[in-house]
Amino acid sequence: MDEPGFIKLNLDDVDDGTDPVPAGIHLCRVKNAVQKHKQDSEYPYIQVTLTPLDTEEKFQRRGLLLTLSFHPQALWNMKQFMTKARVPHGADGFHVGDFIGRELYVTVKHKPDPNDPAAIRAEVSPPYTVAS
């Protein structure tokens, strides 16, 4: 008979999400893009969630985050990303929904996690490259 409160579950082979997506250049697809605005910030931003397509399955489920700021000195990054992802944009603006499903190559770098210096996290940064 089982002991009350004892859960028989083997977690030894469960991916705990601590391994970051490998550093390097990866083909990714935009899974989601949402415009946000932090309460005390002057500028809004677009939070882009990317799915790496050319990695192990466990990394494809994890995803990558990219923040594209509306700050005037950061607009170059948004423009480069949108151009390489082929997101339509022009003088009249763009629709954030047009990001979803776009594919491009992004650069993934590793950095210490600010909340846990012993942990490593993956960070998306330029350069970006058009996917064929």
N, C-alpha and C. Protein backbone atom coordinates (compact mmCIF):
# COMPACT_ATOMS: atom_id res chain seq x y z
N MET A 1 0.84 -1.18 0.00
CA MET A 1 0.00 0.00 0.00
C MET A 1 0.89 1.25 0.00
N ASP A 2 0.47 2.28 -0.74
CA ASP A 2 1.25 3.51 -0.84
C ASP A 2 1.09 4.37 0.40
N GLU A 3 2.16 5.05 0.74
CA GLU A 3 2.17 5.97 1.88
C GLU A 3 1.40 7.24 1.50
N PRO A 4 0.49 7.73 2.33
CA PRO A 4 -0.26 8.96 2.02
C PRO A 4 0.70 10.13 1.80
N GLY A 5 0.47 10.88 0.77
CA GLY A 5 1.31 12.03 0.46
C GLY A 5 2.52 11.70 -0.38
N PHE A 6 2.83 10.41 -0.55
CA PHE A 6 3.97 10.00 -1.37
C PHE A 6 3.51 9.91 -2.82
N ILE A 7 4.23 10.59 -3.69
CA ILE A 7 3.90 10.57 -5.12
C ILE A 7 4.97 9.78 -5.83
N LYS A 8 4.57 8.74 -6.50
CA LYS A 8 5.52 7.89 -7.23
C LYS A 8 5.64 8.44 -8.64
N LEU A 9 6.70 9.24 -8.83
CA LEU A 9 6.93 9.88 -10.12
C LEU A 9 8.44 10.06 -10.29
N ASN A 10 9.00 9.54 -11.35
CA ASN A 10 10.43 9.64 -11.62
C ASN A 10 10.68 10.88 -12.48
N LEU A 11 11.38 11.85 -11.93
CA LEU A 11 11.70 13.09 -12.65
C LEU A 11 13.13 13.12 -13.19
N ASP A 12 13.84 12.01 -13.09
CA ASP A 12 15.24 11.97 -13.48
C ASP A 12 15.48 12.39 -14.93
N ASP A 13 14.64 11.98 -15.86
CA ASP A 13 14.86 12.27 -17.28
C ASP A 13 14.02 13.44 -17.80
N VAL A 14 13.44 14.23 -16.91
CA VAL A 14 12.61 15.37 -17.31
C VAL A 14 13.50 16.58 -17.58
N ASP A 15 13.29 17.23 -18.73
CA ASP A 15 14.02 18.45 -19.08
C ASP A 15 13.51 19.57 -18.18
N ASP A 16 14.39 20.13 -17.36
CA ASP A 16 13.97 21.18 -16.43
C ASP A 16 14.09 22.59 -17.01
N GLY A 17 14.48 22.69 -18.28
CA GLY A 17 14.53 23.98 -18.95
C GLY A 17 15.74 24.83 -18.62
N THR A 18 16.73 24.28 -17.91
CA THR A 18 17.89 25.08 -17.53
C THR A 18 18.94 25.15 -18.62
N ASP A 19 18.95 24.21 -19.56
CA ASP A 19 19.90 24.28 -20.67
C ASP A 19 19.40 25.31 -21.66
N PRO A 20 20.21 26.35 -21.94
CA PRO A 20 19.76 27.37 -22.90
C PRO A 20 19.83 26.86 -24.33
N VAL A 21 19.07 27.47 -25.21
CA VAL A 21 19.18 27.19 -26.63
C VAL A 21 20.65 27.42 -26.98
N PRO A 22 21.26 26.52 -27.75
CA PRO A 22 22.69 26.67 -28.06
C PRO A 22 23.02 28.01 -28.71
N ALA A 23 24.18 28.54 -28.37
CA ALA A 23 24.65 29.78 -28.98
C ALA A 23 24.93 29.54 -30.45
N GLY A 24 24.79 30.58 -31.25
CA GLY A 24 25.06 30.49 -32.68
C GLY A 24 23.93 31.11 -33.49
N ILE A 25 23.95 30.84 -34.76
CA ILE A 25 22.93 31.37 -35.66
C ILE A 25 21.89 30.29 -35.87
N HIS A 26 20.61 30.65 -35.66
CA HIS A 26 19.52 29.68 -35.74
C HIS A 26 18.37 30.20 -36.59
N LEU A 27 17.81 29.28 -37.38
CA LEU A 27 16.59 29.56 -38.12
C LEU A 27 15.44 29.55 -37.12
N CYS A 28 14.66 30.63 -37.10
CA CYS A 28 13.56 30.74 -36.14
C CYS A 28 12.29 31.19 -36.84
N ARG A 29 11.17 30.86 -36.22
CA ARG A 29 9.85 31.31 -36.68
C ARG A 29 9.23 32.13 -35.55
N VAL A 30 8.62 33.25 -35.91
CA VAL A 30 7.94 34.07 -34.91
C VAL A 30 6.67 33.36 -34.49
N LYS A 31 6.60 33.03 -33.21
CA LYS A 31 5.44 32.35 -32.65
C LYS A 31 4.40 33.36 -32.18
N ASN A 32 4.89 34.48 -31.63
CA ASN A 32 3.97 35.48 -31.09
C ASN A 32 4.68 36.83 -31.07
N ALA A 33 3.90 37.89 -31.17
CA ALA A 33 4.42 39.26 -31.05
C ALA A 33 3.33 40.11 -30.42
N VAL A 34 3.70 40.80 -29.34
CA VAL A 34 2.73 41.58 -28.58
C VAL A 34 3.33 42.94 -28.25
N GLN A 35 2.58 44.00 -28.51
CA GLN A 35 3.03 45.32 -28.10
C GLN A 35 2.74 45.50 -26.62
N LYS A 36 3.75 45.97 -25.88
CA LYS A 36 3.63 46.17 -24.45
C LYS A 36 4.18 47.55 -24.08
N HIS A 37 3.87 47.97 -22.86
CA HIS A 37 4.38 49.24 -22.36
C HIS A 37 4.50 49.14 -20.85
N LYS A 38 5.73 49.18 -20.34
CA LYS A 38 5.93 49.15 -18.90
C LYS A 38 5.42 50.45 -18.29
N GLN A 39 4.88 50.35 -17.12
CA GLN A 39 4.22 51.47 -16.46
C GLN A 39 5.11 52.72 -16.35
N ASP A 40 6.36 52.57 -15.97
CA ASP A 40 7.23 53.73 -15.75
C ASP A 40 8.16 54.02 -16.93
N SER A 41 7.91 53.41 -18.07
CA SER A 41 8.76 53.61 -19.23
C SER A 41 8.13 54.58 -20.21
N GLU A 42 8.96 55.40 -20.81
CA GLU A 42 8.46 56.37 -21.79
C GLU A 42 8.08 55.70 -23.11
N TYR A 43 8.78 54.63 -23.44
CA TYR A 43 8.60 54.01 -24.75
C TYR A 43 8.00 52.60 -24.66
N PRO A 44 7.07 52.28 -25.55
CA PRO A 44 6.55 50.91 -25.62
C PRO A 44 7.57 50.00 -26.30
N TYR A 45 7.24 48.74 -26.40
CA TYR A 45 8.10 47.78 -27.06
C TYR A 45 7.25 46.64 -27.60
N ILE A 46 7.85 45.85 -28.48
CA ILE A 46 7.20 44.64 -28.99
C ILE A 46 7.98 43.46 -28.42
N GLN A 47 7.27 42.58 -27.73
CA GLN A 47 7.89 41.35 -27.24
C GLN A 47 7.63 40.26 -28.25
N VAL A 48 8.70 39.75 -28.84
CA VAL A 48 8.61 38.73 -29.88
C VAL A 48 9.05 37.39 -29.28
N THR A 49 8.23 36.36 -29.48
CA THR A 49 8.59 35.01 -29.07
C THR A 49 8.95 34.22 -30.32
N LEU A 50 10.14 33.65 -30.33
CA LEU A 50 10.66 32.92 -31.48
C LEU A 50 10.80 31.44 -31.14
N THR A 51 10.49 30.60 -32.11
CA THR A 51 10.70 29.17 -31.98
C THR A 51 11.89 28.78 -32.83
N PRO A 52 12.97 28.27 -32.22
CA PRO A 52 14.11 27.81 -33.03
C PRO A 52 13.71 26.54 -33.78
N LEU A 53 13.96 26.51 -35.07
CA LEU A 53 13.54 25.39 -35.91
C LEU A 53 14.65 24.39 -36.19
N ASP A 54 15.89 24.78 -36.00
CA ASP A 54 17.02 23.92 -36.39
C ASP A 54 17.78 23.38 -35.18
N THR A 55 17.07 23.17 -34.07
CA THR A 55 17.70 22.67 -32.85
C THR A 55 16.98 21.41 -32.39
N GLU A 56 17.50 20.83 -31.31
CA GLU A 56 16.82 19.68 -30.72
C GLU A 56 15.39 20.06 -30.33
N GLU A 57 14.52 19.09 -30.30
CA GLU A 57 13.10 19.32 -30.01
C GLU A 57 12.90 20.03 -28.67
N LYS A 58 13.70 19.70 -27.67
CA LYS A 58 13.51 20.32 -26.35
C LYS A 58 13.71 21.83 -26.42
N PHE A 59 14.58 22.32 -27.31
CA PHE A 59 14.79 23.75 -27.45
C PHE A 59 13.67 24.39 -28.27
N GLN A 60 13.08 23.64 -29.18
CA GLN A 60 11.98 24.17 -29.98
C GLN A 60 10.77 24.45 -29.10
N ARG A 61 10.57 23.66 -28.08
CA ARG A 61 9.44 23.88 -27.16
C ARG A 61 9.69 25.07 -26.24
N ARG A 62 10.94 25.38 -26.00
CA ARG A 62 11.31 26.43 -25.05
C ARG A 62 11.11 27.83 -25.61
N GLY A 63 11.57 28.06 -26.80
CA GLY A 63 11.42 29.37 -27.41
C GLY A 63 12.45 30.39 -26.93
N LEU A 64 12.48 31.50 -27.64
CA LEU A 64 13.40 32.59 -27.35
C LEU A 64 12.61 33.90 -27.32
N LEU A 65 13.03 34.84 -26.49
CA LEU A 65 12.36 36.13 -26.42
C LEU A 65 13.26 37.22 -26.98
N LEU A 66 12.65 38.16 -27.68
CA LEU A 66 13.35 39.32 -28.22
C LEU A 66 12.49 40.54 -27.93
N THR A 67 13.10 41.59 -27.41
CA THR A 67 12.40 42.84 -27.15
C THR A 67 12.83 43.87 -28.18
N LEU A 68 11.84 44.41 -28.88
CA LEU A 68 12.10 45.45 -29.88
C LEU A 68 11.51 46.76 -29.35
N SER A 69 12.39 47.66 -28.93
CA SER A 69 11.98 48.90 -28.28
C SER A 69 11.63 49.98 -29.30
N PHE A 70 10.67 50.83 -28.90
CA PHE A 70 10.30 52.00 -29.69
C PHE A 70 11.20 53.20 -29.36
N HIS A 71 12.19 53.01 -28.51
CA HIS A 71 13.12 54.09 -28.18
C HIS A 71 13.80 54.54 -29.47
N PRO A 72 13.90 55.85 -29.71
CA PRO A 72 14.50 56.33 -30.97
C PRO A 72 15.88 55.77 -31.26
N GLN A 73 16.68 55.52 -30.23
CA GLN A 73 18.03 55.00 -30.45
C GLN A 73 18.04 53.48 -30.64
N ALA A 74 16.88 52.83 -30.53
CA ALA A 74 16.79 51.37 -30.71
C ALA A 74 15.96 50.99 -31.93
N LEU A 75 15.40 51.97 -32.62
CA LEU A 75 14.56 51.66 -33.78
C LEU A 75 15.31 50.95 -34.90
N TRP A 76 16.62 51.15 -34.96
CA TRP A 76 17.42 50.46 -35.97
C TRP A 76 17.29 48.95 -35.82
N ASN A 77 17.23 48.47 -34.57
CA ASN A 77 17.12 47.04 -34.30
C ASN A 77 15.76 46.52 -34.77
N MET A 78 14.70 47.28 -34.48
CA MET A 78 13.37 46.89 -34.93
C MET A 78 13.32 46.84 -36.46
N LYS A 79 13.88 47.86 -37.10
CA LYS A 79 13.86 47.90 -38.57
C LYS A 79 14.64 46.73 -39.16
N GLN A 80 15.82 46.44 -38.62
CA GLN A 80 16.61 45.31 -39.13
C GLN A 80 15.85 44.00 -38.97
N PHE A 81 15.27 43.80 -37.79
CA PHE A 81 14.53 42.56 -37.55
C PHE A 81 13.37 42.44 -38.53
N MET A 82 12.58 43.49 -38.65
CA MET A 82 11.39 43.45 -39.51
C MET A 82 11.77 43.26 -40.97
N THR A 83 12.84 43.90 -41.40
CA THR A 83 13.29 43.76 -42.79
C THR A 83 13.74 42.34 -43.08
N LYS A 84 14.55 41.77 -42.19
CA LYS A 84 15.05 40.41 -42.40
C LYS A 84 13.96 39.36 -42.24
N ALA A 85 12.94 39.66 -41.42
CA ALA A 85 11.80 38.74 -41.24
C ALA A 85 10.73 38.97 -42.32
N ARG A 86 10.95 39.99 -43.13
CA ARG A 86 10.00 40.33 -44.21
C ARG A 86 8.63 40.71 -43.66
N VAL A 87 8.62 41.45 -42.56
CA VAL A 87 7.38 41.98 -42.00
C VAL A 87 7.08 43.27 -42.76
N PRO A 88 5.90 43.36 -43.40
CA PRO A 88 5.59 44.57 -44.16
C PRO A 88 5.54 45.80 -43.25
N HIS A 89 6.23 46.85 -43.69
CA HIS A 89 6.22 48.11 -42.95
C HIS A 89 6.47 49.25 -43.93
N GLY A 90 5.98 50.41 -43.59
CA GLY A 90 6.16 51.57 -44.46
C GLY A 90 5.89 52.85 -43.72
N ALA A 91 5.71 53.93 -44.46
CA ALA A 91 5.50 55.26 -43.88
C ALA A 91 4.25 55.31 -43.00
N ASP A 92 3.26 54.47 -43.30
CA ASP A 92 2.03 54.46 -42.51
C ASP A 92 2.11 53.56 -41.29
N GLY A 93 3.19 52.80 -41.15
CA GLY A 93 3.36 51.92 -40.01
C GLY A 93 3.29 50.46 -40.37
N PHE A 94 2.84 49.64 -39.42
CA PHE A 94 2.80 48.19 -39.61
C PHE A 94 1.83 47.60 -38.62
N HIS A 95 1.49 46.34 -38.82
CA HIS A 95 0.60 45.63 -37.90
C HIS A 95 1.41 44.56 -37.19
N VAL A 96 1.35 44.54 -35.86
CA VAL A 96 2.12 43.59 -35.06
C VAL A 96 1.73 42.15 -35.39
N GLY A 97 0.50 41.91 -35.83
CA GLY A 97 0.07 40.57 -36.20
C GLY A 97 0.80 40.02 -37.41
N ASP A 98 1.39 40.91 -38.22
CA ASP A 98 2.13 40.46 -39.41
C ASP A 98 3.46 39.80 -39.06
N PHE A 99 3.90 39.91 -37.81
CA PHE A 99 5.14 39.26 -37.38
C PHE A 99 4.97 37.73 -37.33
N ILE A 100 3.79 37.29 -36.93
CA ILE A 100 3.57 35.87 -36.64
C ILE A 100 3.75 35.00 -37.88
N GLY A 101 4.53 33.94 -37.70
CA GLY A 101 4.79 32.99 -38.77
C GLY A 101 5.99 33.34 -39.63
N ARG A 102 6.55 34.53 -39.48
CA ARG A 102 7.72 34.93 -40.29
C ARG A 102 8.94 34.15 -39.83
N GLU A 103 9.81 33.84 -40.77
CA GLU A 103 11.04 33.09 -40.46
C GLU A 103 12.26 33.90 -40.83
N LEU A 104 13.30 33.77 -40.02
CA LEU A 104 14.58 34.42 -40.27
C LEU A 104 15.64 33.75 -39.42
N TYR A 105 16.88 34.05 -39.74
CA TYR A 105 18.00 33.58 -38.92
C TYR A 105 18.34 34.66 -37.91
N VAL A 106 18.53 34.25 -36.65
CA VAL A 106 18.91 35.18 -35.59
C VAL A 106 20.18 34.67 -34.92
N THR A 107 20.85 35.58 -34.26
CA THR A 107 22.05 35.23 -33.50
C THR A 107 21.65 35.01 -32.04
N VAL A 108 22.04 33.87 -31.49
CA VAL A 108 21.77 33.55 -30.09
C VAL A 108 23.10 33.58 -29.34
N LYS A 109 23.11 34.38 -28.28
CA LYS A 109 24.30 34.48 -27.41
C LYS A 109 23.92 34.02 -26.02
N HIS A 110 24.90 33.62 -25.24
CA HIS A 110 24.67 33.22 -23.85
C HIS A 110 25.14 34.32 -22.91
N LYS A 111 24.32 34.56 -21.88
CA LYS A 111 24.65 35.55 -20.85
C LYS A 111 24.26 34.98 -19.50
N PRO A 112 24.91 35.44 -18.43
CA PRO A 112 24.47 35.02 -17.10
C PRO A 112 23.06 35.54 -16.83
N ASP A 113 22.26 34.74 -16.19
CA ASP A 113 20.90 35.15 -15.82
C ASP A 113 21.02 36.16 -14.69
N PRO A 114 20.41 37.36 -14.83
CA PRO A 114 20.54 38.37 -13.77
C PRO A 114 19.91 37.93 -12.44
N ASN A 115 18.96 37.00 -12.49
CA ASN A 115 18.33 36.53 -11.26
C ASN A 115 19.10 35.39 -10.60
N ASP A 116 19.98 34.75 -11.38
CA ASP A 116 20.77 33.62 -10.86
C ASP A 116 22.09 33.59 -11.63
N PRO A 117 23.12 34.25 -11.13
CA PRO A 117 24.40 34.33 -11.85
C PRO A 117 25.03 32.98 -12.19
N ALA A 118 24.61 31.92 -11.51
CA ALA A 118 25.14 30.59 -11.81
C ALA A 118 24.45 29.99 -13.04
N ALA A 119 23.33 30.56 -13.43
CA ALA A 119 22.57 30.04 -14.58
C ALA A 119 22.90 30.86 -15.83
N ILE A 120 22.76 30.21 -16.97
CA ILE A 120 23.01 30.85 -18.26
C ILE A 120 21.69 30.95 -19.00
N ARG A 121 21.47 32.07 -19.68
CA ARG A 121 20.26 32.21 -20.49
C ARG A 121 20.64 32.58 -21.91
N ALA A 122 19.77 32.23 -22.83
CA ALA A 122 19.98 32.54 -24.24
C ALA A 122 19.37 33.90 -24.53
N GLU A 123 20.09 34.70 -25.32
CA GLU A 123 19.63 36.03 -25.68
C GLU A 123 19.72 36.20 -27.19
N VAL A 124 18.66 36.72 -27.79
CA VAL A 124 18.62 36.96 -29.24
C VAL A 124 19.18 38.35 -29.52
N SER A 125 20.04 38.44 -30.53
CA SER A 125 20.60 39.74 -30.89
C SER A 125 20.89 39.76 -32.39
N PRO A 126 21.13 40.95 -32.94
CA PRO A 126 21.55 41.03 -34.33
C PRO A 126 22.94 40.41 -34.45
N PRO A 127 23.39 40.03 -35.60
CA PRO A 127 22.73 40.25 -36.88
C PRO A 127 21.61 39.24 -37.14
N TYR A 128 20.66 39.70 -37.95
CA TYR A 128 19.56 38.87 -38.43
C TYR A 128 19.81 38.64 -39.90
N THR A 129 19.31 37.50 -40.41
CA THR A 129 19.48 37.17 -41.82
C THR A 129 18.18 36.65 -42.39
N VAL A 130 17.90 37.01 -43.62
CA VAL A 130 16.69 36.54 -44.30
C VAL A 130 16.73 35.04 -44.45
N ALA A 131 15.61 34.38 -44.19
CA ALA A 131 15.51 32.94 -44.42
C ALA A 131 15.14 32.73 -45.89
N SER A 132 15.77 31.76 -46.50
CA SER A 132 15.52 31.50 -47.93
C SER A 132 14.14 30.95 -48.18
